[in-house]
PDB file of N, CA and C in Angstrom:
ATOM      1  N   MET A   1       3.575  24.499   7.369  1.00  0.00           N
ATOM      2  CA  MET A   1       4.362  23.437   7.815  1.00  0.00           C
ATOM      3  C   MET A   1       2.809  21.821   6.740  1.00  0.00           C
ATOM      4  N   LEU A   2       3.016  21.207   6.643  1.00  0.00           N
ATOM      5  CA  LEU A   2       2.453  20.312   7.053  1.00  0.00           C
ATOM      6  C   LEU A   2       1.661  19.528   7.721  1.00  0.00           C
ATOM      7  N   LYS A   3       0.415  18.829   7.401  1.00  0.00           N
ATOM      8  CA  LYS A   3      -0.282  18.918   7.981  1.00  0.00           C
ATOM      9  C   LYS A   3      -1.141  17.308   7.981  1.00  0.00           C
ATOM     10  N   TYR A   4      -1.287  16.179   8.527  1.00  0.00           N
ATOM     11  CA  TYR A   4      -1.538  15.404   7.657  1.00  0.00           C
ATOM     12  C   TYR A   4      -2.672  14.327   8.678  1.00  0.00           C
ATOM     13  N   SER A   5      -2.955  13.736   8.342  1.00  0.00           N
ATOM     14  CA  SER A   5      -3.772  12.017   9.705  1.00  0.00           C
ATOM     15  C   SER A   5      -4.122  10.770   8.687  1.00  0.00           C
ATOM     16  N   LEU A   6      -3.639   9.601   8.721  1.00  0.00           N
ATOM     17  CA  LEU A   6      -3.562   9.100   8.097  1.00  0.00           C
ATOM     18  C   LEU A   6      -4.461   7.578   9.154  1.00  0.00           C
ATOM     19  N   SER A   7      -5.355   7.180   8.310  1.00  0.00           N
ATOM     20  CA  SER A   7      -6.405   5.581   8.301  1.00  0.00           C
ATOM     21  C   SER A   7      -6.624   4.564   7.909  1.00  0.00           C
ATOM     22  N   LEU A   8      -6.485   3.898   7.556  1.00  0.00           N
ATOM     23  CA  LEU A   8      -7.234   2.452   6.865  1.00  0.00           C
ATOM     24  C   LEU A   8      -7.841   2.663   5.648  1.00  0.00           C
ATOM     25  N   ALA A   9      -9.124   3.216   5.997  1.00  0.00           N
ATOM     26  CA  ALA A   9      -9.025   3.650   4.711  1.00  0.00           C
ATOM     27  C   ALA A   9      -8.694   5.162   3.983  1.00  0.00           C
ATOM     28  N   ARG A  10      -8.747   6.203   4.963  1.00  0.00           N
ATOM     29  CA  ARG A  10      -8.486   7.789   3.889  1.00  0.00           C
ATOM     30  C   ARG A  10      -6.618   8.543   4.441  1.00  0.00           C
ATOM     31  N   LEU A  11      -6.121   8.776   3.647  1.00  0.00           N
ATOM     32  CA  LEU A  11      -5.860   9.654   3.616  1.00  0.00           C
ATOM     33  C   LEU A  11      -5.895  11.172   4.217  1.00  0.00           C
ATOM     34  N   ALA A  12      -5.779  11.570   4.468  1.00  0.00           N
ATOM     35  CA  ALA A  12      -5.921  13.507   4.652  1.00  0.00           C
ATOM     36  C   ALA A  12      -5.025  14.395   4.325  1.00  0.00           C
ATOM     37  N   CYS A  13      -5.089  15.857   3.567  1.00  0.00           N
ATOM     38  CA  CYS A  13      -3.599  16.196   3.922  1.00  0.00           C
ATOM     39  C   CYS A  13      -4.687  17.671   3.636  1.00  0.00           C
ATOM     40  N   VAL A  14      -3.488  18.583   4.366  1.00  0.00           N
ATOM     41  CA  VAL A  14      -5.014  19.795   4.734  1.00  0.00           C
ATOM     42  C   VAL A  14      -2.921  21.136   3.722  1.00  0.00           C
ATOM     43  N   LYS A  15      -3.428  21.918   2.728  1.00  0.00           N
ATOM     44  CA  LYS A  15      -2.451  22.468   1.871  1.00  0.00           C
ATOM     45  C   LYS A  15      -1.532  21.845   0.820  1.00  0.00           C
ATOM     46  N   ASN A  16      -1.364  20.613   1.271  1.00  0.00           N
ATOM     47  CA  ASN A  16      -1.015  19.440   0.235  1.00  0.00           C
ATOM     48  C   ASN A  16      -0.946  18.775  -0.184  1.00  0.00           C
ATOM     49  N   VAL A  17      -1.074  17.393  -1.081  1.00  0.00           N
ATOM     50  CA  VAL A  17      -0.978  16.665  -1.680  1.00  0.00           C
ATOM     51  C   VAL A  17       0.332  15.237  -0.701  1.00  0.00           C
ATOM     52  N   ILE A  18      -0.466  14.445  -0.398  1.00  0.00           N
ATOM     53  CA  ILE A  18      -0.092  13.584   0.445  1.00  0.00           C
ATOM     54  C   ILE A  18      -0.529  11.899  -0.575  1.00  0.00           C
ATOM     55  N   ILE A  19       0.611  11.517  -1.097  1.00  0.00           N
ATOM     56  CA  ILE A  19       0.430  10.370  -2.169  1.00  0.00           C
ATOM     57  C   ILE A  19       1.638   9.325  -1.824  1.00  0.00           C
ATOM     58  N   PHE A  20       0.950   8.092  -1.038  1.00  0.00           N
ATOM     59  CA  PHE A  20       1.871   7.043  -1.280  1.00  0.00           C
ATOM     60  C   PHE A  20       2.281   6.176  -1.319  1.00  0.00           C
ATOM     61  N   VAL A  21       3.627   5.763  -1.348  1.00  0.00           N
ATOM     62  CA  VAL A  21       3.860   5.692  -3.445  1.00  0.00           C
ATOM     63  C   VAL A  21       5.278   4.301  -2.984  1.00  0.00           C
ATOM     64  N   GLY A  22       5.339   3.625  -3.625  1.00  0.00           N
ATOM     65  CA  GLY A  22       6.758   2.376  -3.297  1.00  0.00           C
ATOM     66  C   GLY A  22       7.819   3.103  -2.636  1.00  0.00           C
ATOM     67  N   ALA A  23       8.352   4.141  -2.455  1.00  0.00           N
ATOM     68  CA  ALA A  23       9.832   4.550  -1.952  1.00  0.00           C
ATOM     69  C   ALA A  23       8.958   4.823  -0.659  1.00  0.00           C
ATOM     70  N   GLY A  24       7.963   5.006   0.004  1.00  0.00           N
ATOM     71  CA  GLY A  24       7.493   6.350   1.443  1.00  0.00           C
ATOM     72  C   GLY A  24       6.631   7.067   0.627  1.00  0.00           C
ATOM     73  N   LEU A  25       5.684   7.306   1.911  1.00  0.00           N
ATOM     74  CA  LEU A  25       4.811   8.690   2.140  1.00  0.00           C
ATOM     75  C   LEU A  25       5.749   9.886   1.629  1.00  0.00           C
ATOM     76  N   LYS A  26       4.949  10.554   0.387  1.00  0.00           N
ATOM     77  CA  LYS A  26       5.477  11.416  -0.387  1.00  0.00           C
ATOM     78  C   LYS A  26       4.999  12.599  -0.453  1.00  0.00           C
ATOM     79  N   SER A  27       5.708  13.844   0.103  1.00  0.00           N
ATOM     80  CA  SER A  27       4.766  14.699  -0.530  1.00  0.00           C
ATOM     81  C   SER A  27       4.304  15.702  -1.841  1.00  0.00           C
ATOM     82  N   ARG A  28       3.297  15.926  -2.364  1.00  0.00           N
ATOM     83  CA  ARG A  28       4.197  16.762  -3.488  1.00  0.00           C
ATOM     84  C   ARG A  28       2.853  17.980  -3.745  1.00  0.00           C
ATOM     85  N   ALA A  29       3.919  19.138  -3.805  1.00  0.00           N
ATOM     86  CA  ALA A  29       3.357  20.656  -3.676  1.00  0.00           C
ATOM     87  C   ALA A  29       4.322  20.974  -4.633  1.00  0.00           C
ATOM     88  N   CYS A  30       3.651  22.239  -6.002  1.00  0.00           N
ATOM     89  CA  CYS A  30       4.661  22.397  -6.791  1.00  0.00           C
ATOM     90  C   CYS A  30       5.592  22.258  -6.724  1.00  0.00           C
ATOM     91  N   GLY A  31       5.957  20.301  -7.901  1.00  0.00           N
ATOM     92  CA  GLY A  31       6.972  19.460  -8.073  1.00  0.00           C
ATOM     93  C   GLY A  31       8.097  19.705  -6.517  1.00  0.00           C
ATOM     94  N   LEU A  32       7.463  19.843  -5.707  1.00  0.00           N
ATOM     95  CA  LEU A  32       8.712  19.425  -4.515  1.00  0.00           C
ATOM     96  C   LEU A  32       8.348  18.103  -3.700  1.00  0.00           C
ATOM     97  N   ARG A  33       8.893  17.214  -3.904  1.00  0.00           N
ATOM     98  CA  ARG A  33       8.582  16.026  -3.524  1.00  0.00           C
ATOM     99  C   ARG A  33       9.248  15.293  -1.797  1.00  0.00           C
ATOM    100  N   ALA A  34       9.183  15.668  -0.790  1.00  0.00           N
ATOM    101  CA  ALA A  34       9.898  15.283   0.055  1.00  0.00           C
ATOM    102  C   ALA A  34       9.714  13.835   1.409  1.00  0.00           C
ATOM    103  N   MET A  35      10.932  13.070   1.158  1.00  0.00           N
ATOM    104  CA  MET A  35      10.118  12.006   1.913  1.00  0.00           C
ATOM    105  C   MET A  35      10.144  12.246   3.718  1.00  0.00           C
ATOM    106  N   LEU A  36       8.700  11.324   3.246  1.00  0.00           N
ATOM    107  CA  LEU A  36       8.416  11.109   4.869  1.00  0.00           C
ATOM    108  C   LEU A  36       8.007  10.361   5.743  1.00  0.00           C
ATOM    109  N   ALA A  37       8.412   9.339   5.034  1.00  0.00           N
ATOM    110  CA  ALA A  37       8.886   8.310   5.514  1.00  0.00           C
ATOM    111  C   ALA A  37       9.664   6.542   5.137  1.00  0.00           C
ATOM    112  N   PRO A  38       9.931   5.869   5.678  1.00  0.00           N
ATOM    113  CA  PRO A  38      11.043   4.888   4.736  1.00  0.00           C
ATOM    114  C   PRO A  38      10.263   3.777   4.586  1.00  0.00           C
ATOM    115  N   PRO A  39      10.006   2.649   3.362  1.00  0.00           N
ATOM    116  CA  PRO A  39       9.572   2.060   2.972  1.00  0.00           C
ATOM    117  C   PRO A  39       9.031   0.372   4.287  1.00  0.00           C
ATOM    118  N   GLY A  40       7.732  -0.010   3.895  1.00  0.00           N
ATOM    119  CA  GLY A  40       7.397  -0.936   4.864  1.00  0.00           C
ATOM    120  C   GLY A  40       7.354  -0.004   6.476  1.00  0.00           C
ATOM    121  N   VAL A  41       7.054   1.570   6.195  1.00  0.00           N
ATOM    122  CA  VAL A  41       6.951   2.010   7.520  1.00  0.00           C
ATOM    123  C   VAL A  41       5.517   3.767   7.628  1.00  0.00           C
ATOM    124  N   ASP A  42       5.214   3.056   8.225  1.00  0.00           N
ATOM    125  CA  ASP A  42       3.300   4.240   7.914  1.00  0.00           C
ATOM    126  C   ASP A  42       3.720   5.349   8.746  1.00  0.00           C
ATOM    127  N   ILE A  43       2.994   6.689   8.401  1.00  0.00           N
ATOM    128  CA  ILE A  43       3.258   8.050   8.416  1.00  0.00           C
ATOM    129  C   ILE A  43       4.078   8.320   9.386  1.00  0.00           C
ATOM    130  N   GLU A  44       4.194   7.708  10.749  1.00  0.00           N
ATOM    131  CA  GLU A  44       3.748   7.674  12.552  1.00  0.00           C
ATOM    132  C   GLU A  44       5.128   6.766  12.415  1.00  0.00           C
ATOM    133  N   GLY A  45       5.901   6.508  12.067  1.00  0.00           N
ATOM    134  CA  GLY A  45       7.263   5.037  12.773  1.00  0.00           C
ATOM    135  C   GLY A  45       7.018   4.444  12.563  1.00  0.00           C
ATOM    136  N   VAL A  46       5.818   4.003  11.995  1.00  0.00           N
ATOM    137  CA  VAL A  46       4.822   2.273  12.974  1.00  0.00           C
ATOM    138  C   VAL A  46       5.450   1.315  11.974  1.00  0.00           C
ATOM    139  N   PRO A  47       6.243   0.109  12.433  1.00  0.00           N
ATOM    140  CA  PRO A  47       6.347  -0.103  11.172  1.00  0.00           C
ATOM    141  C   PRO A  47       4.994  -0.982  10.325  1.00  0.00           C
ATOM    142  N   MET A  48       4.749  -1.384   9.579  1.00  0.00           N
ATOM    143  CA  MET A  48       3.749  -1.239   8.642  1.00  0.00           C
ATOM    144  C   MET A  48       3.321  -2.642   8.302  1.00  0.00           C
ATOM    145  N   GLN A  49       2.448  -3.158   8.816  1.00  0.00           N
ATOM    146  CA  GLN A  49       1.565  -4.136   9.305  1.00  0.00           C
ATOM    147  C   GLN A  49       1.102  -5.300   8.245  1.00  0.00           C
ATOM    148  N   ALA A  50       1.755  -6.779   8.018  1.00  0.00           N
ATOM    149  CA  ALA A  50       1.340  -7.487   7.069  1.00  0.00           C
ATOM    150  C   ALA A  50       0.230  -8.109   6.779  1.00  0.00           C
ATOM    151  N   PRO A  51      -0.971  -8.147   5.309  1.00  0.00           N
ATOM    152  CA  PRO A  51      -1.746  -7.961   5.225  1.00  0.00           C
ATOM    153  C   PRO A  51      -2.055  -9.886   6.204  1.00  0.00           C
ATOM    154  N   ALA A  52      -3.382 -10.016   6.213  1.00  0.00           N
ATOM    155  CA  ALA A  52      -3.961 -10.872   6.006  1.00  0.00           C
ATOM    156  C   ALA A  52      -4.785 -11.793   5.770  1.00  0.00           C
ATOM    157  N   VAL A  53      -4.131 -12.907   5.289  1.00  0.00           N
ATOM    158  CA  VAL A  53      -5.229 -13.880   5.086  1.00  0.00           C
ATOM    159  C   VAL A  53      -6.666 -14.075   4.227  1.00  0.00           C
ATOM    160  N   GLY A  54      -7.217 -13.209   3.126  1.00  0.00           N
ATOM    161  CA  GLY A  54      -8.488 -13.584   3.026  1.00  0.00           C
ATOM    162  C   GLY A  54      -8.464 -12.412   1.237  1.00  0.00           C
ATOM    163  N   ARG A  55      -9.304 -11.789   1.660  1.00  0.00           N
ATOM    164  CA  ARG A  55     -10.059 -11.591   0.191  1.00  0.00           C
ATOM    165  C   ARG A  55      -9.340  -9.805  -0.066  1.00  0.00           C
ATOM    166  N   TYR A  56      -8.934  -9.725  -1.145  1.00  0.00           N
ATOM    167  CA  TYR A  56      -8.808  -8.193  -0.939  1.00  0.00           C
ATOM    168  C   TYR A  56      -9.139  -7.776  -2.929  1.00  0.00           C
ATOM    169  N   ARG A  57      -9.675  -6.643  -2.407  1.00  0.00           N
ATOM    170  CA  ARG A  57     -10.629  -5.685  -4.343  1.00  0.00           C
ATOM    171  C   ARG A  57      -8.601  -4.759  -4.138  1.00  0.00           C
ATOM    172  N   HIS A  58      -8.559  -5.181  -5.606  1.00  0.00           N
ATOM    173  CA  HIS A  58      -7.270  -4.147  -5.997  1.00  0.00           C
ATOM    174  C   HIS A  58      -8.546  -3.210  -6.838  1.00  0.00           C
ATOM    175  N   PHE A  59      -7.306  -2.303  -6.832  1.00  0.00           N
ATOM    176  CA  PHE A  59      -8.077  -0.545  -6.817  1.00  0.00           C
ATOM    177  C   PHE A  59      -8.397  -0.950  -8.483  1.00  0.00           C
ATOM    178  N   LYS A  60      -7.452  -1.337  -9.806  1.00  0.00           N
ATOM    179  CA  LYS A  60      -8.336  -1.622 -10.982  1.00  0.00           C
ATOM    180  C   LYS A  60      -9.478  -2.442 -10.904  1.00  0.00           C
ATOM    181  N   GLY A  61     -10.341  -2.819  -9.504  1.00  0.00           N
ATOM    182  CA  GLY A  61     -11.154  -3.801  -9.932  1.00  0.00           C
ATOM    183  C   GLY A  61     -11.061  -5.041  -9.317  1.00  0.00           C
ATOM    184  N   GLY A  62     -10.263  -5.806  -9.778  1.00  0.00           N
ATOM    185  CA  GLY A  62      -9.727  -7.402  -9.598  1.00  0.00           C
ATOM    186  C   GLY A  62     -10.351  -7.525  -8.037  1.00  0.00           C
ATOM    187  N   TYR A  63     -10.136  -9.152  -8.278  1.00  0.00           N
ATOM    188  CA  TYR A  63     -10.580  -9.343  -7.114  1.00  0.00           C
ATOM    189  C   TYR A  63      -9.488 -10.349  -6.352  1.00  0.00           C
ATOM    190  N   TYR A  64      -8.719 -10.469  -5.559  1.00  0.00           N
ATOM    191  CA  TYR A  64      -7.302 -11.558  -5.208  1.00  0.00           C
ATOM    192  C   TYR A  64      -7.474 -11.948  -3.558  1.00  0.00           C
ATOM    193  N   GLN A  65      -6.804 -12.892  -3.680  1.00  0.00           N
ATOM    194  CA  GLN A  65      -7.586 -13.991  -2.489  1.00  0.00           C
ATOM    195  C   GLN A  65      -5.629 -14.381  -1.617  1.00  0.00           C
ATOM    196  N   VAL A  66      -5.851 -12.878   0.139  1.00  0.00           N
ATOM    197  CA  VAL A  66      -3.843 -13.304   0.339  1.00  0.00           C
ATOM    198  C   VAL A  66      -4.175 -15.217   0.736  1.00  0.00           C
ATOM    199  N   LEU A  67      -3.235 -15.700   0.471  1.00  0.00           N
ATOM    200  CA  LEU A  67      -2.817 -17.197   0.640  1.00  0.00           C
ATOM    201  C   LEU A  67      -2.293 -17.037   1.704  1.00  0.00           C
ATOM    202  N   THR A  68      -1.406 -16.633   1.523  1.00  0.00           N
ATOM    203  CA  THR A  68       0.382 -16.345   2.369  1.00  0.00           C
ATOM    204  C   THR A  68       1.677 -15.714   2.276  1.00  0.00           C
ATOM    205  N   LEU A  69       1.665 -15.162   3.508  1.00  0.00           N
ATOM    206  CA  LEU A  69       3.383 -14.423   3.755  1.00  0.00           C
ATOM    207  C   LEU A  69       4.883 -15.344   2.994  1.00  0.00           C
ATOM    208  N   ALA A  70       5.071 -15.016   2.000  1.00  0.00           N
ATOM    209  CA  ALA A  70       6.421 -15.148   2.323  1.00  0.00           C
ATOM    210  C   ALA A  70       8.723 -14.618   2.646  1.00  0.00           C
ATOM    211  N   LEU A  71       9.046 -14.790   2.888  1.00  0.00           N
ATOM    212  CA  LEU A  71       9.438 -14.844   3.035  1.00  0.00           C
ATOM    213  C   LEU A  71      11.174 -15.101   1.410  1.00  0.00           C
ATOM    214  N   HIS A  72      11.576 -13.522   0.767  1.00  0.00           N
ATOM    215  CA  HIS A  72      12.684 -13.489  -0.038  1.00  0.00           C
ATOM    216  C   HIS A  72      14.121 -14.269  -0.020  1.00  0.00           C
ATOM    217  N   THR A  73      14.092 -15.415  -0.226  1.00  0.00           N
ATOM    218  CA  THR A  73      15.376 -16.008   0.088  1.00  0.00           C
ATOM    219  C   THR A  73      16.844 -16.016  -0.544  1.00  0.00           C
ATOM    220  N   GLU A  74      16.984 -14.499  -1.229  1.00  0.00           N
ATOM    221  CA  GLU A  74      18.061 -13.601  -1.223  1.00  0.00           C
ATOM    222  C   GLU A  74      18.656 -12.074  -0.080  1.00  0.00           C
ATOM    223  N   THR A  75      16.990 -11.423  -0.638  1.00  0.00           N
ATOM    224  CA  THR A  75      16.951 -10.423   0.835  1.00  0.00           C
ATOM    225  C   THR A  75      16.827 -10.522   1.502  1.00  0.00           C
ATOM    226  N   GLY A  76      15.667 -11.391   2.724  1.00  0.00           N
ATOM    227  CA  GLY A  76      14.623 -11.833   3.619  1.00  0.00           C
ATOM    228  C   GLY A  76      13.245 -11.027   3.734  1.00  0.00           C
ATOM    229  N   GLU A  77      13.315  -9.790   2.407  1.00  0.00           N
ATOM    230  CA  GLU A  77      12.210  -9.179   1.993  1.00  0.00           C
ATOM    231  C   GLU A  77      10.631  -9.952   2.347  1.00  0.00           C
ATOM    232  N   GLN A  78       9.707  -9.829   2.786  1.00  0.00           N
ATOM    233  CA  GLN A  78       9.047 -10.340   3.476  1.00  0.00           C
ATOM    234  C   GLN A  78       7.848  -9.900   2.258  1.00  0.00           C
ATOM    235  N   LEU A  79       7.307 -11.314   1.524  1.00  0.00           N
ATOM    236  CA  LEU A  79       6.261 -11.411  -0.331  1.00  0.00           C
ATOM    237  C   LEU A  79       4.495 -11.552   0.861  1.00  0.00           C
ATOM    238  N   VAL A  80       3.927 -10.632  -0.187  1.00  0.00           N
ATOM    239  CA  VAL A  80       2.596 -11.275   0.386  1.00  0.00           C
ATOM    240  C   VAL A  80       2.660 -12.444  -1.584  1.00  0.00           C
ATOM    241  N   ILE A  81       2.175 -12.925  -0.909  1.00  0.00           N
ATOM    242  CA  ILE A  81       1.616 -14.535  -2.018  1.00  0.00           C
ATOM    243  C   ILE A  81      -0.230 -14.337  -1.930  1.00  0.00           C
ATOM    244  N   TYR A  82      -0.374 -14.261  -3.657  1.00  0.00           N
ATOM    245  CA  TYR A  82      -1.986 -13.881  -3.900  1.00  0.00           C
ATOM    246  C   TYR A  82      -2.353 -14.666  -4.995  1.00  0.00           C
ATOM    247  N   GLN A  83      -3.470 -14.449  -5.060  1.00  0.00           N
ATOM    248  CA  GLN A  83      -4.246 -15.365  -6.088  1.00  0.00           C
ATOM    249  C   GLN A  83      -5.503 -14.981  -6.899  1.00  0.00           C
ATOM    250  N   SER A  84      -5.031 -15.315  -8.071  1.00  0.00           N
ATOM    251  CA  SER A  84      -6.759 -14.065  -8.578  1.00  0.00           C
ATOM    252  C   SER A  84      -7.569 -14.928  -8.465  1.00  0.00           C
ATOM    253  N   GLU A  85      -9.052 -13.915  -8.444  1.00  0.00           N
ATOM    254  CA  GLU A  85     -10.028 -15.079  -8.125  1.00  0.00           C
ATOM    255  C   GLU A  85     -10.730 -14.886  -9.933  1.00  0.00           C
ATOM    256  N   GLN A  86     -10.024 -14.109 -10.980  1.00  0.00           N
ATOM    257  CA  GLN A  86     -10.513 -14.726 -12.711  1.00  0.00           C
ATOM    258  C   GLN A  86     -10.078 -15.649 -12.601  1.00  0.00           C
ATOM    259  N   ASP A  87      -8.762 -15.640 -12.797  1.00  0.00           N
ATOM    260  CA  ASP A  87      -7.743 -16.362 -13.482  1.00  0.00           C
ATOM    261  C   ASP A  87      -7.175 -17.959 -13.261  1.00  0.00           C
ATOM    262  N   GLY A  88      -7.030 -17.592 -11.527  1.00  0.00           N
ATOM    263  CA  GLY A  88      -6.550 -18.045 -10.493  1.00  0.00           C
ATOM    264  C   GLY A  88      -4.444 -18.075 -10.317  1.00  0.00           C
ATOM    265  N   ALA A  89      -3.777 -17.334 -11.012  1.00  0.00           N
ATOM    266  CA  ALA A  89      -2.867 -16.939 -11.566  1.00  0.00           C
ATOM    267  C   ALA A  89      -2.358 -16.625  -9.801  1.00  0.00           C
ATOM    268  N   VAL A  90      -1.325 -16.568  -9.214  1.00  0.00           N
ATOM    269  CA  VAL A  90       0.046 -16.452  -8.439  1.00  0.00           C
ATOM    270  C   VAL A  90       0.675 -15.816  -8.452  1.00  0.00           C
ATOM    271  N   TYR A  91       0.251 -14.632  -7.961  1.00  0.00           N
ATOM    272  CA  TYR A  91       1.825 -13.618  -7.647  1.00  0.00           C
ATOM    273  C   TYR A  91       2.873 -13.793  -6.497  1.00  0.00           C
ATOM    274  N   ALA A  92       3.342 -12.846  -6.643  1.00  0.00           N
ATOM    275  CA  ALA A  92       3.898 -12.487  -5.181  1.00  0.00           C
ATOM    276  C   ALA A  92       4.449 -10.927  -5.055  1.00  0.00           C
ATOM    277  N   ARG A  93       4.741 -10.135  -3.893  1.00  0.00           N
ATOM    278  CA  ARG A  93       5.144  -8.753  -4.331  1.00  0.00           C
ATOM    279  C   ARG A  93       4.941  -8.156  -2.639  1.00  0.00           C
ATOM    280  N   PRO A  94       6.070  -6.715  -3.140  1.00  0.00           N
ATOM    281  CA  PRO A  94       6.747  -6.792  -1.262  1.00  0.00           C
ATOM    282  C   PRO A  94       5.262  -6.376  -0.247  1.00  0.00           C
ATOM    283  N   VAL A  95       5.567  -6.435   1.020  1.00  0.00           N
ATOM    284  CA  VAL A  95       4.159  -6.202   1.971  1.00  0.00           C
ATOM    285  C   VAL A  95       4.379  -4.702   1.574  1.00  0.00           C
ATOM    286  N   ALA A  96       5.518  -4.135   1.344  1.00  0.00           N
ATOM    287  CA  ALA A  96       4.930  -2.638   1.374  1.00  0.00           C
ATOM    288  C   ALA A  96       4.501  -2.194   0.553  1.00  0.00           C
ATOM    289  N   MET A  97       5.234  -3.002  -1.376  1.00  0.00           N
ATOM    290  CA  MET A  97       3.907  -2.353  -2.801  1.00  0.00           C
ATOM    291  C   MET A  97       2.927  -2.871  -2.438  1.00  0.00           C
ATOM    292  N   PHE A  98       2.655  -4.557  -1.130  1.00  0.00           N
ATOM    293  CA  PHE A  98       1.296  -4.147  -1.095  1.00  0.00           C
ATOM    294  C   PHE A  98      -0.142  -3.577  -0.405  1.00  0.00           C
ATOM    295  N   MET A  99       0.651  -3.330   0.434  1.00  0.00           N
ATOM    296  CA  MET A  99       0.184  -2.219   1.216  1.00  0.00           C
ATOM    297  C   MET A  99      -0.005  -0.536   1.210  1.00  0.00           C
ATOM    298  N   GLU A 100       1.053  -0.414  -0.020  1.00  0.00           N
ATOM    299  CA  GLU A 100       0.783   0.957  -0.710  1.00  0.00           C
ATOM    300  C   GLU A 100      -0.093   1.863  -1.013  1.00  0.00           C
ATOM    301  N   TRP A 101      -0.470   3.338  -0.620  1.00  0.00           N
ATOM    302  CA  TRP A 101      -0.641   4.175  -1.127  1.00  0.00           C
ATOM    303  C   TRP A 101      -0.259   4.622  -2.820  1.00  0.00           C
ATOM    304  N   ILE A 102      -1.944   5.133  -3.291  1.00  0.00           N
ATOM    305  CA  ILE A 102      -1.603   4.957  -4.768  1.00  0.00           C
ATOM    306  C   ILE A 102      -1.939   6.039  -5.139  1.00  0.00           C
ATOM    307  N   GLU A 103      -1.429   6.963  -6.224  1.00  0.00           N
ATOM    308  CA  GLU A 103      -2.518   8.148  -6.553  1.00  0.00           C
ATOM    309  C   GLU A 103      -2.447   7.825  -8.293  1.00  0.00           C
ATOM    310  N   HIS A 104      -4.663   7.215  -7.801  1.00  0.00           N
ATOM    311  CA  HIS A 104      -5.025   6.950  -9.696  1.00  0.00           C
ATOM    312  C   HIS A 104      -5.838   7.597  -9.620  1.00  0.00           C
ATOM    313  N   GLN A 105      -6.379   8.099 -10.853  1.00  0.00           N
ATOM    314  CA  GLN A 105      -7.061   9.046 -11.214  1.00  0.00           C
ATOM    315  C   GLN A 105      -7.549  10.850 -10.532  1.00  0.00           C
ATOM    316  N   GLY A 106      -6.223  10.806  -9.943  1.00  0.00           N
ATOM    317  CA  GLY A 106      -6.393  12.733  -9.211  1.00  0.00           C
ATOM    318  C   GLY A 106      -6.901  11.323  -7.656  1.00  0.00           C
ATOM    319  N   ASP A 107      -6.605  10.576  -7.035  1.00  0.00           N
ATOM    320  CA  ASP A 107      -7.625   9.908  -5.572  1.00  0.00           C
ATOM    321  C   ASP A 107      -6.347   9.420  -5.965  1.00  0.00           C
ATOM    322  N   VAL A 108      -6.128   9.593  -4.045  1.00  0.00           N
ATOM    323  CA  VAL A 108      -5.058   8.686  -3.144  1.00  0.00           C
ATOM    324  C   VAL A 108      -6.372   7.791  -3.308  1.00  0.00           C
ATOM    325  N   VAL A 109      -5.296   6.594  -3.353  1.00  0.00           N
ATOM    326  CA  VAL A 109      -5.652   4.986  -3.096  1.00  0.00           C
ATOM    327  C   VAL A 109      -5.140   3.654  -2.475  1.00  0.00           C
ATOM    328  N   SER A 110      -5.760   2.998  -1.811  1.00  0.00           N
ATOM    329  CA  SER A 110      -4.801   1.814  -1.319  1.00  0.00           C
ATOM    330  C   SER A 110      -4.909   0.665  -2.438  1.00  0.00           C
ATOM    331  N   ARG A 111      -3.497   0.339  -2.897  1.00  0.00           N
ATOM    332  CA  ARG A 111      -3.538  -0.349  -3.994  1.00  0.00           C
ATOM    333  C   ARG A 111      -4.089  -1.714  -3.353  1.00  0.00           C
ATOM    334  N   PHE A 112      -4.757  -2.188  -2.281  1.00  0.00           N
ATOM    335  CA  PHE A 112      -5.328  -3.440  -2.112  1.00  0.00           C
ATOM    336  C   PHE A 112      -5.467  -3.170  -0.747  1.00  0.00           C
ATOM    337  N   THR A 113      -7.520  -3.000  -0.806  1.00  0.00           N
ATOM    338  CA  THR A 113      -8.383  -3.038   0.280  1.00  0.00           C
ATOM    339  C   THR A 113      -9.509  -4.738   0.853  1.00  0.00           C
ATOM    340  N   PRO A 114      -9.301  -4.283   1.665  1.00  0.00           N
ATOM    341  CA  PRO A 114      -9.516  -6.143   2.474  1.00  0.00           C
ATOM    342  C   PRO A 114     -10.811  -5.671   1.577  1.00  0.00           C
ATOM    343  N   ILE A 115     -11.596  -6.331   1.734  1.00  0.00           N
ATOM    344  CA  ILE A 115     -12.799  -6.583   1.794  1.00  0.00           C
ATOM    345  C   ILE A 115     -13.596  -7.829   2.860  1.00  0.00           C
ATOM    346  N   ALA A 116     -14.873  -7.661   3.423  1.00  0.00           N
ATOM    347  CA  ALA A 116     -14.900  -7.878   5.000  1.00  0.00           C
ATOM    348  C   ALA A 116     -16.020  -9.636   3.931  1.00  0.00           C
ATOM    349  N   SER A 117     -16.101 -11.218   4.998  1.00  0.00           N
ATOM    350  CA  SER A 117     -15.860 -12.192   5.153  1.00  0.00           C
ATOM    351  C   SER A 117     -17.255 -12.595   5.173  1.00  0.00           C
TER     352      SER A 117
END
């Protein structure tokens, strides 16, 4: 049986490795991938909270300012509008993708981590 716990800072797992990817939370063991949560919903079935306006660190090291949230005109999907502190470029990314957990260099990390002001 798969046992897991999820917090804002860590994703822990017993006997399997759990990674959060764009399509949802998945378990990866012996090549088996089992869907545990749909996009935009956390592991416990609670709708994902959109990020607050503020400063975030990308898992690759860059810093960004979340400016606002927007709705995609065709799909109604909620988007995060954010700006690079390095070059000022402005980006839009779906909330589920902005908030997802990913596998990076063998660790499970959040794509963006809020930075305290």
